[in-house]
PDB file of N, CA and C in Angstrom:
ATOM      1  N   MET A   1     131.364   0.093 115.994  1.00  0.00           N
ATOM      2  CA  MET A   1     131.121   1.515 115.828  1.00  0.00           C
ATOM      3  C   MET A   1     132.254   2.264 116.528  1.00  0.00           C
ATOM      4  N   GLU A   2     132.974   3.050 115.769  1.00  0.00           N
ATOM      5  CA  GLU A   2     134.165   3.742 116.276  1.00  0.00           C
ATOM      6  C   GLU A   2     133.858   4.671 117.455  1.00  0.00           C
ATOM      7  N   SER A   3     132.699   5.320 117.442  1.00  0.00           N
ATOM      8  CA  SER A   3     132.362   6.246 118.522  1.00  0.00           C
ATOM      9  C   SER A   3     132.153   5.528 119.855  1.00  0.00           C
ATOM     10  N   LEU A   4     131.933   4.205 119.811  1.00  0.00           N
ATOM     11  CA  LEU A   4     131.734   3.445 121.041  1.00  0.00           C
ATOM     12  C   LEU A   4     132.992   2.722 121.497  1.00  0.00           C
ATOM     13  N   ARG A   5     134.088   2.895 120.770  1.00  0.00           N
ATOM     14  CA  ARG A   5     135.346   2.229 121.138  1.00  0.00           C
ATOM     15  C   ARG A   5     135.788   2.558 122.556  1.00  0.00           C
ATOM     16  N   PRO A   6     135.739   3.813 123.005  1.00  0.00           N
ATOM     17  CA  PRO A   6     136.123   4.091 124.399  1.00  0.00           C
ATOM     18  C   PRO A   6     135.262   3.328 125.407  1.00  0.00           C
ATOM     19  N   LEU A   7     133.997   3.108 125.069  1.00  0.00           N
ATOM     20  CA  LEU A   7     133.112   2.351 125.943  1.00  0.00           C
ATOM     21  C   LEU A   7     133.562   0.892 126.015  1.00  0.00           C
ATOM     22  N   ALA A   8     133.900   0.299 124.879  1.00  0.00           N
ATOM     23  CA  ALA A   8     134.364  -1.091 124.862  1.00  0.00           C
ATOM     24  C   ALA A   8     135.626  -1.247 125.699  1.00  0.00           C
ATOM     25  N   VAL A   9     136.537  -0.285 125.590  1.00  0.00           N
ATOM     26  CA  VAL A   9     137.766  -0.312 126.387  1.00  0.00           C
ATOM     27  C   VAL A   9     137.426  -0.209 127.870  1.00  0.00           C
ATOM     28  N   TRP A  10     136.519   0.703 128.218  1.00  0.00           N
ATOM     29  CA  TRP A  10     136.111   0.892 129.617  1.00  0.00           C
ATOM     30  C   TRP A  10     135.481  -0.384 130.169  1.00  0.00           C
ATOM     31  N   ILE A  11     134.595  -0.993 129.389  1.00  0.00           N
ATOM     32  CA  ILE A  11     133.925  -2.224 129.830  1.00  0.00           C
ATOM     33  C   ILE A  11     134.949  -3.319 130.098  1.00  0.00           C
ATOM     34  N   ASN A  12     135.896  -3.496 129.182  1.00  0.00           N
ATOM     35  CA  ASN A  12     136.911  -4.542 129.349  1.00  0.00           C
ATOM     36  C   ASN A  12     137.795  -4.285 130.565  1.00  0.00           C
ATOM     37  N   ALA A  13     138.023  -3.030 130.904  1.00  0.00           N
ATOM     38  CA  ALA A  13     138.849  -2.682 132.063  1.00  0.00           C
ATOM     39  C   ALA A  13     138.077  -2.713 133.373  1.00  0.00           C
ATOM     40  N   ASN A  14     136.756  -2.815 133.296  1.00  0.00           N
ATOM     41  CA  ASN A  14     135.923  -2.737 134.502  1.00  0.00           C
ATOM     42  C   ASN A  14     135.000  -3.945 134.656  1.00  0.00           C
ATOM     43  N   GLY A  15     135.552  -5.125 134.537  1.00  0.00           N
ATOM     44  CA  GLY A  15     134.775  -6.329 134.806  1.00  0.00           C
ATOM     45  C   GLY A  15     134.399  -7.152 133.603  1.00  0.00           C
ATOM     46  N   GLY A  16     134.484  -6.601 132.413  1.00  0.00           N
ATOM     47  CA  GLY A  16     134.206  -7.355 131.201  1.00  0.00           C
ATOM     48  C   GLY A  16     132.756  -7.296 130.743  1.00  0.00           C
ATOM     49  N   ARG A  17     132.540  -7.799 129.545  1.00  0.00           N
ATOM     50  CA  ARG A  17     131.222  -7.736 128.909  1.00  0.00           C
ATOM     51  C   ARG A  17     130.132  -8.534 129.624  1.00  0.00           C
ATOM     52  N   PRO A  18     130.409  -9.755 130.089  1.00  0.00           N
ATOM     53  CA  PRO A  18     129.318 -10.501 130.744  1.00  0.00           C
ATOM     54  C   PRO A  18     128.763  -9.760 131.966  1.00  0.00           C
ATOM     55  N   ASP A  19     129.649  -9.225 132.784  1.00  0.00           N
ATOM     56  CA  ASP A  19     129.231  -8.494 133.984  1.00  0.00           C
ATOM     57  C   ASP A  19     128.490  -7.207 133.614  1.00  0.00           C
ATOM     58  N   PHE A  20     129.015  -6.479 132.644  1.00  0.00           N
ATOM     59  CA  PHE A  20     128.397  -5.217 132.245  1.00  0.00           C
ATOM     60  C   PHE A  20     127.022  -5.457 131.632  1.00  0.00           C
ATOM     61  N   ALA A  21     126.919  -6.476 130.783  1.00  0.00           N
ATOM     62  CA  ALA A  21     125.631  -6.795 130.157  1.00  0.00           C
ATOM     63  C   ALA A  21     124.589  -7.117 131.228  1.00  0.00           C
ATOM     64  N   ARG A  22     124.985  -7.874 132.229  1.00  0.00           N
ATOM     65  CA  ARG A  22     124.062  -8.210 133.317  1.00  0.00           C
ATOM     66  C   ARG A  22     123.610  -6.942 134.038  1.00  0.00           C
ATOM     67  N   LYS A  23     124.526  -6.032 134.292  1.00  0.00           N
ATOM     68  CA  LYS A  23     124.201  -4.794 135.020  1.00  0.00           C
ATOM     69  C   LYS A  23     123.210  -3.913 134.258  1.00  0.00           C
ATOM     70  N   VAL A  24     123.334  -3.892 132.930  1.00  0.00           N
ATOM     71  CA  VAL A  24     122.434  -3.035 132.142  1.00  0.00           C
ATOM     72  C   VAL A  24     121.196  -3.767 131.652  1.00  0.00           C
ATOM     73  N   GLY A  25     121.130  -5.072 131.901  1.00  0.00           N
ATOM     74  CA  GLY A  25     119.924  -5.821 131.574  1.00  0.00           C
ATOM     75  C   GLY A  25     119.800  -6.293 130.139  1.00  0.00           C
ATOM     76  N   CYS A  26     120.922  -6.629 129.523  1.00  0.00           N
ATOM     77  CA  CYS A  26     120.860  -7.202 128.185  1.00  0.00           C
ATOM     78  C   CYS A  26     121.788  -8.406 128.116  1.00  0.00           C
ATOM     79  N   SER A  27     121.703  -9.150 127.044  1.00  0.00           N
ATOM     80  CA  SER A  27     122.584 -10.309 126.893  1.00  0.00           C
ATOM     81  C   SER A  27     123.961  -9.842 126.418  1.00  0.00           C
ATOM     82  N   GLU A  28     124.964 -10.662 126.688  1.00  0.00           N
ATOM     83  CA  GLU A  28     126.307 -10.336 126.218  1.00  0.00           C
ATOM     84  C   GLU A  28     126.380 -10.278 124.689  1.00  0.00           C
ATOM     85  N   PRO A  29     125.742 -11.224 123.978  1.00  0.00           N
ATOM     86  CA  PRO A  29     125.769 -11.107 122.510  1.00  0.00           C
ATOM     87  C   PRO A  29     125.132  -9.810 121.994  1.00  0.00           C
ATOM     88  N   HIS A  30     124.026  -9.389 122.630  1.00  0.00           N
ATOM     89  CA  HIS A  30     123.373  -8.143 122.197  1.00  0.00           C
ATOM     90  C   HIS A  30     124.296  -6.947 122.464  1.00  0.00           C
ATOM     91  N   LEU A  31     124.954  -6.935 123.606  1.00  0.00           N
ATOM     92  CA  LEU A  31     125.903  -5.852 123.915  1.00  0.00           C
ATOM     93  C   LEU A  31     127.025  -5.829 122.886  1.00  0.00           C
ATOM     94  N   SER A  32     127.546  -6.994 122.537  1.00  0.00           N
ATOM     95  CA  SER A  32     128.619  -7.063 121.533  1.00  0.00           C
ATOM     96  C   SER A  32     128.159  -6.520 120.186  1.00  0.00           C
ATOM     97  N   GLU A  33     126.925  -6.835 119.813  1.00  0.00           N
ATOM     98  CA  GLU A  33     126.387  -6.329 118.550  1.00  0.00           C
ATOM     99  C   GLU A  33     126.241  -4.807 118.586  1.00  0.00           C
ATOM    100  N   ILE A  34     125.853  -4.264 119.716  1.00  0.00           N
ATOM    101  CA  ILE A  34     125.735  -2.807 119.858  1.00  0.00           C
ATOM    102  C   ILE A  34     127.114  -2.163 119.746  1.00  0.00           C
ATOM    103  N   LEU A  35     128.085  -2.732 120.435  1.00  0.00           N
ATOM    104  CA  LEU A  35     129.433  -2.161 120.421  1.00  0.00           C
ATOM    105  C   LEU A  35     130.077  -2.248 119.038  1.00  0.00           C
ATOM    106  N   SER A  36     129.731  -3.278 118.271  1.00  0.00           N
ATOM    107  CA  SER A  36     130.303  -3.418 116.926  1.00  0.00           C
ATOM    108  C   SER A  36     129.570  -2.574 115.890  1.00  0.00           C
ATOM    109  N   GLY A  37     128.373  -2.101 116.261  1.00  0.00           N
ATOM    110  CA  GLY A  37     127.592  -1.290 115.333  1.00  0.00           C
ATOM    111  C   GLY A  37     126.624  -2.078 114.477  1.00  0.00           C
ATOM    112  N   SER A  38     126.546  -3.399 114.680  1.00  0.00           N
ATOM    113  CA  SER A  38     125.630  -4.191 113.867  1.00  0.00           C
ATOM    114  C   SER A  38     124.184  -4.113 114.367  1.00  0.00           C
ATOM    115  N   LYS A  39     123.998  -3.695 115.609  1.00  0.00           N
ATOM    116  CA  LYS A  39     122.660  -3.473 116.166  1.00  0.00           C
ATOM    117  C   LYS A  39     122.653  -2.121 116.857  1.00  0.00           C
ATOM    118  N   GLN A  40     121.471  -1.547 116.939  1.00  0.00           N
ATOM    119  CA  GLN A  40     121.311  -0.267 117.606  1.00  0.00           C
ATOM    120  C   GLN A  40     120.654  -0.493 118.967  1.00  0.00           C
ATOM    121  N   ALA A  41     121.116   0.213 119.974  1.00  0.00           N
ATOM    122  CA  ALA A  41     120.512   0.139 121.304  1.00  0.00           C
ATOM    123  C   ALA A  41     119.245   0.981 121.330  1.00  0.00           C
ATOM    124  N   SER A  42     118.263   0.516 122.081  1.00  0.00           N
ATOM    125  CA  SER A  42     117.084   1.348 122.308  1.00  0.00           C
ATOM    126  C   SER A  42     117.524   2.551 123.136  1.00  0.00           C
ATOM    127  N   LEU A  43     116.724   3.582 123.150  1.00  0.00           N
ATOM    128  CA  LEU A  43     117.059   4.755 123.948  1.00  0.00           C
ATOM    129  C   LEU A  43     117.180   4.377 125.423  1.00  0.00           C
ATOM    130  N   LYS A  44     116.262   3.553 125.894  1.00  0.00           N
ATOM    131  CA  LYS A  44     116.288   3.121 127.298  1.00  0.00           C
ATOM    132  C   LYS A  44     117.591   2.391 127.619  1.00  0.00           C
ATOM    133  N   LEU A  45     118.005   1.472 126.752  1.00  0.00           N
ATOM    134  CA  LEU A  45     119.239   0.732 126.985  1.00  0.00           C
ATOM    135  C   LEU A  45     120.459   1.646 126.843  1.00  0.00           C
ATOM    136  N   ALA A  46     120.438   2.552 125.887  1.00  0.00           N
ATOM    137  CA  ALA A  46     121.556   3.489 125.708  1.00  0.00           C
ATOM    138  C   ALA A  46     121.762   4.339 126.962  1.00  0.00           C
ATOM    139  N   VAL A  47     120.677   4.778 127.573  1.00  0.00           N
ATOM    140  CA  VAL A  47     120.773   5.563 128.808  1.00  0.00           C
ATOM    141  C   VAL A  47     121.349   4.703 129.928  1.00  0.00           C
ATOM    142  N   LYS A  48     120.881   3.456 130.052  1.00  0.00           N
ATOM    143  CA  LYS A  48     121.415   2.557 131.073  1.00  0.00           C
ATOM    144  C   LYS A  48     122.912   2.329 130.884  1.00  0.00           C
ATOM    145  N   ILE A  49     123.316   2.092 129.645  1.00  0.00           N
ATOM    146  CA  ILE A  49     124.730   1.850 129.349  1.00  0.00           C
ATOM    147  C   ILE A  49     125.568   3.078 129.697  1.00  0.00           C
ATOM    148  N   ALA A  50     125.136   4.241 129.242  1.00  0.00           N
ATOM    149  CA  ALA A  50     125.882   5.468 129.514  1.00  0.00           C
ATOM    150  C   ALA A  50     126.003   5.723 131.015  1.00  0.00           C
ATOM    151  N   CYS A  51     124.928   5.539 131.747  1.00  0.00           N
ATOM    152  CA  CYS A  51     124.953   5.772 133.197  1.00  0.00           C
ATOM    153  C   CYS A  51     125.844   4.764 133.906  1.00  0.00           C
ATOM    154  N   GLU A  52     125.715   3.503 133.553  1.00  0.00           N
ATOM    155  CA  GLU A  52     126.503   2.447 134.206  1.00  0.00           C
ATOM    156  C   GLU A  52     127.992   2.626 133.942  1.00  0.00           C
ATOM    157  N   ALA A  53     128.328   3.182 132.776  1.00  0.00           N
ATOM    158  CA  ALA A  53     129.730   3.389 132.402  1.00  0.00           C
ATOM    159  C   ALA A  53     130.214   4.793 132.739  1.00  0.00           C
ATOM    160  N   ASN A  54     129.523   5.446 133.658  1.00  0.00           N
ATOM    161  CA  ASN A  54     129.926   6.786 134.107  1.00  0.00           C
ATOM    162  C   ASN A  54     130.074   7.777 132.957  1.00  0.00           C
ATOM    163  N   ASN A  55     129.200   7.644 131.955  1.00  0.00           N
ATOM    164  CA  ASN A  55     129.175   8.542 130.801  1.00  0.00           C
ATOM    165  C   ASN A  55     130.509   8.630 130.064  1.00  0.00           C
ATOM    166  N   VAL A  56     131.232   7.492 130.001  1.00  0.00           N
ATOM    167  CA  VAL A  56     132.473   7.474 129.232  1.00  0.00           C
ATOM    168  C   VAL A  56     132.190   7.814 127.767  1.00  0.00           C
ATOM    169  N   VAL A  57     130.986   7.485 127.310  1.00  0.00           N
ATOM    170  CA  VAL A  57     130.474   7.979 126.030  1.00  0.00           C
ATOM    171  C   VAL A  57     129.077   8.515 126.298  1.00  0.00           C
ATOM    172  N   PRO A  58     128.708   9.613 125.673  1.00  0.00           N
ATOM    173  CA  PRO A  58     127.371  10.167 125.902  1.00  0.00           C
ATOM    174  C   PRO A  58     126.301   9.338 125.194  1.00  0.00           C
ATOM    175  N   VAL A  59     125.083   9.482 125.628  1.00  0.00           N
ATOM    176  CA  VAL A  59     123.959   8.781 125.005  1.00  0.00           C
ATOM    177  C   VAL A  59     123.916   9.072 123.506  1.00  0.00           C
ATOM    178  N   GLU A  60     124.278  10.275 123.117  1.00  0.00           N
ATOM    179  CA  GLU A  60     124.248  10.664 121.708  1.00  0.00           C
ATOM    180  C   GLU A  60     125.140   9.778 120.841  1.00  0.00           C
ATOM    181  N   ALA A  61     126.149   9.140 121.434  1.00  0.00           N
ATOM    182  CA  ALA A  61     127.048   8.272 120.671  1.00  0.00           C
ATOM    183  C   ALA A  61     126.323   7.051 120.117  1.00  0.00           C
ATOM    184  N   PHE A  62     125.169   6.724 120.691  1.00  0.00           N
ATOM    185  CA  PHE A  62     124.400   5.567 120.248  1.00  0.00           C
ATOM    186  C   PHE A  62     123.459   5.903 119.100  1.00  0.00           C
ATOM    187  N   VAL A  63     123.329   7.169 118.780  1.00  0.00           N
ATOM    188  CA  VAL A  63     122.398   7.605 117.737  1.00  0.00           C
ATOM    189  C   VAL A  63     123.077   7.476 116.380  1.00  0.00           C
ATOM    190  N   VAL A  64     122.416   6.748 115.501  1.00  0.00           N
ATOM    191  CA  VAL A  64     122.919   6.586 114.142  1.00  0.00           C
ATOM    192  C   VAL A  64     122.170   7.566 113.260  1.00  0.00           C
ATOM    193  N   PRO A  65     122.887   8.474 112.587  1.00  0.00           N
ATOM    194  CA  PRO A  65     122.193   9.467 111.763  1.00  0.00           C
ATOM    195  C   PRO A  65     121.427   8.813 110.609  1.00  0.00           C
ATOM    196  N   THR A  66     120.305   9.381 110.301  1.00  0.00           N
ATOM    197  CA  THR A  66     119.529   8.922 109.145  1.00  0.00           C
ATOM    198  C   THR A  66     119.794   9.874 107.988  1.00  0.00           C
ATOM    199  N   ARG A  67     119.370   9.504 106.834  1.00  0.00           N
ATOM    200  CA  ARG A  67     119.577  10.367 105.677  1.00  0.00           C
ATOM    201  C   ARG A  67     118.943  11.739 105.852  1.00  0.00           C
ATOM    202  N   ALA A  68     117.762  11.785 106.474  1.00  0.00           N
ATOM    203  CA  ALA A  68     117.085  13.052 106.680  1.00  0.00           C
ATOM    204  C   ALA A  68     117.905  13.955 107.597  1.00  0.00           C
ATOM    205  N   SER A  69     118.444  13.401 108.686  1.00  0.00           N
ATOM    206  CA  SER A  69     119.229  14.238 109.591  1.00  0.00           C
ATOM    207  C   SER A  69     120.568  14.604 108.980  1.00  0.00           C
ATOM    208  N   GLU A  70     121.131  13.735 108.139  1.00  0.00           N
ATOM    209  CA  GLU A  70     122.383  14.064 107.448  1.00  0.00           C
ATOM    210  C   GLU A  70     122.165  15.207 106.466  1.00  0.00           C
ATOM    211  N   ALA A  71     121.013  15.213 105.812  1.00  0.00           N
ATOM    212  CA  ALA A  71     120.707  16.259 104.832  1.00  0.00           C
ATOM    213  C   ALA A  71     120.508  17.613 105.519  1.00  0.00           C
ATOM    214  N   ALA A  72     120.064  17.587 106.759  1.00  0.00           N
ATOM    215  CA  ALA A  72     119.802  18.820 107.479  1.00  0.00           C
ATOM    216  C   ALA A  72     121.087  19.523 107.930  1.00  0.00           C
ATOM    217  N   GLU A  73     122.191  18.789 107.930  1.00  0.00           N
ATOM    218  CA  GLU A  73     123.469  19.379 108.408  1.00  0.00           C
ATOM    219  C   GLU A  73     124.105  20.268 107.403  1.00  0.00           C
TER     220      GLU A  73
END
């Protein structure tokens, strides 16, 4: 997911994915899937990730628009 690219860069520069995944309480494979956009983070996990990464990306970056919200724009 392109909007999470700055987060992936930050994670790699600050200890790497295994360490970051441990800090936020998820597995490294699950974190990789979230960063690639193949899985969506729960709101709870998205908040943990954003806080742990000093809000390098806002929680809103984890929200994937649905057709209903796209139609409302």
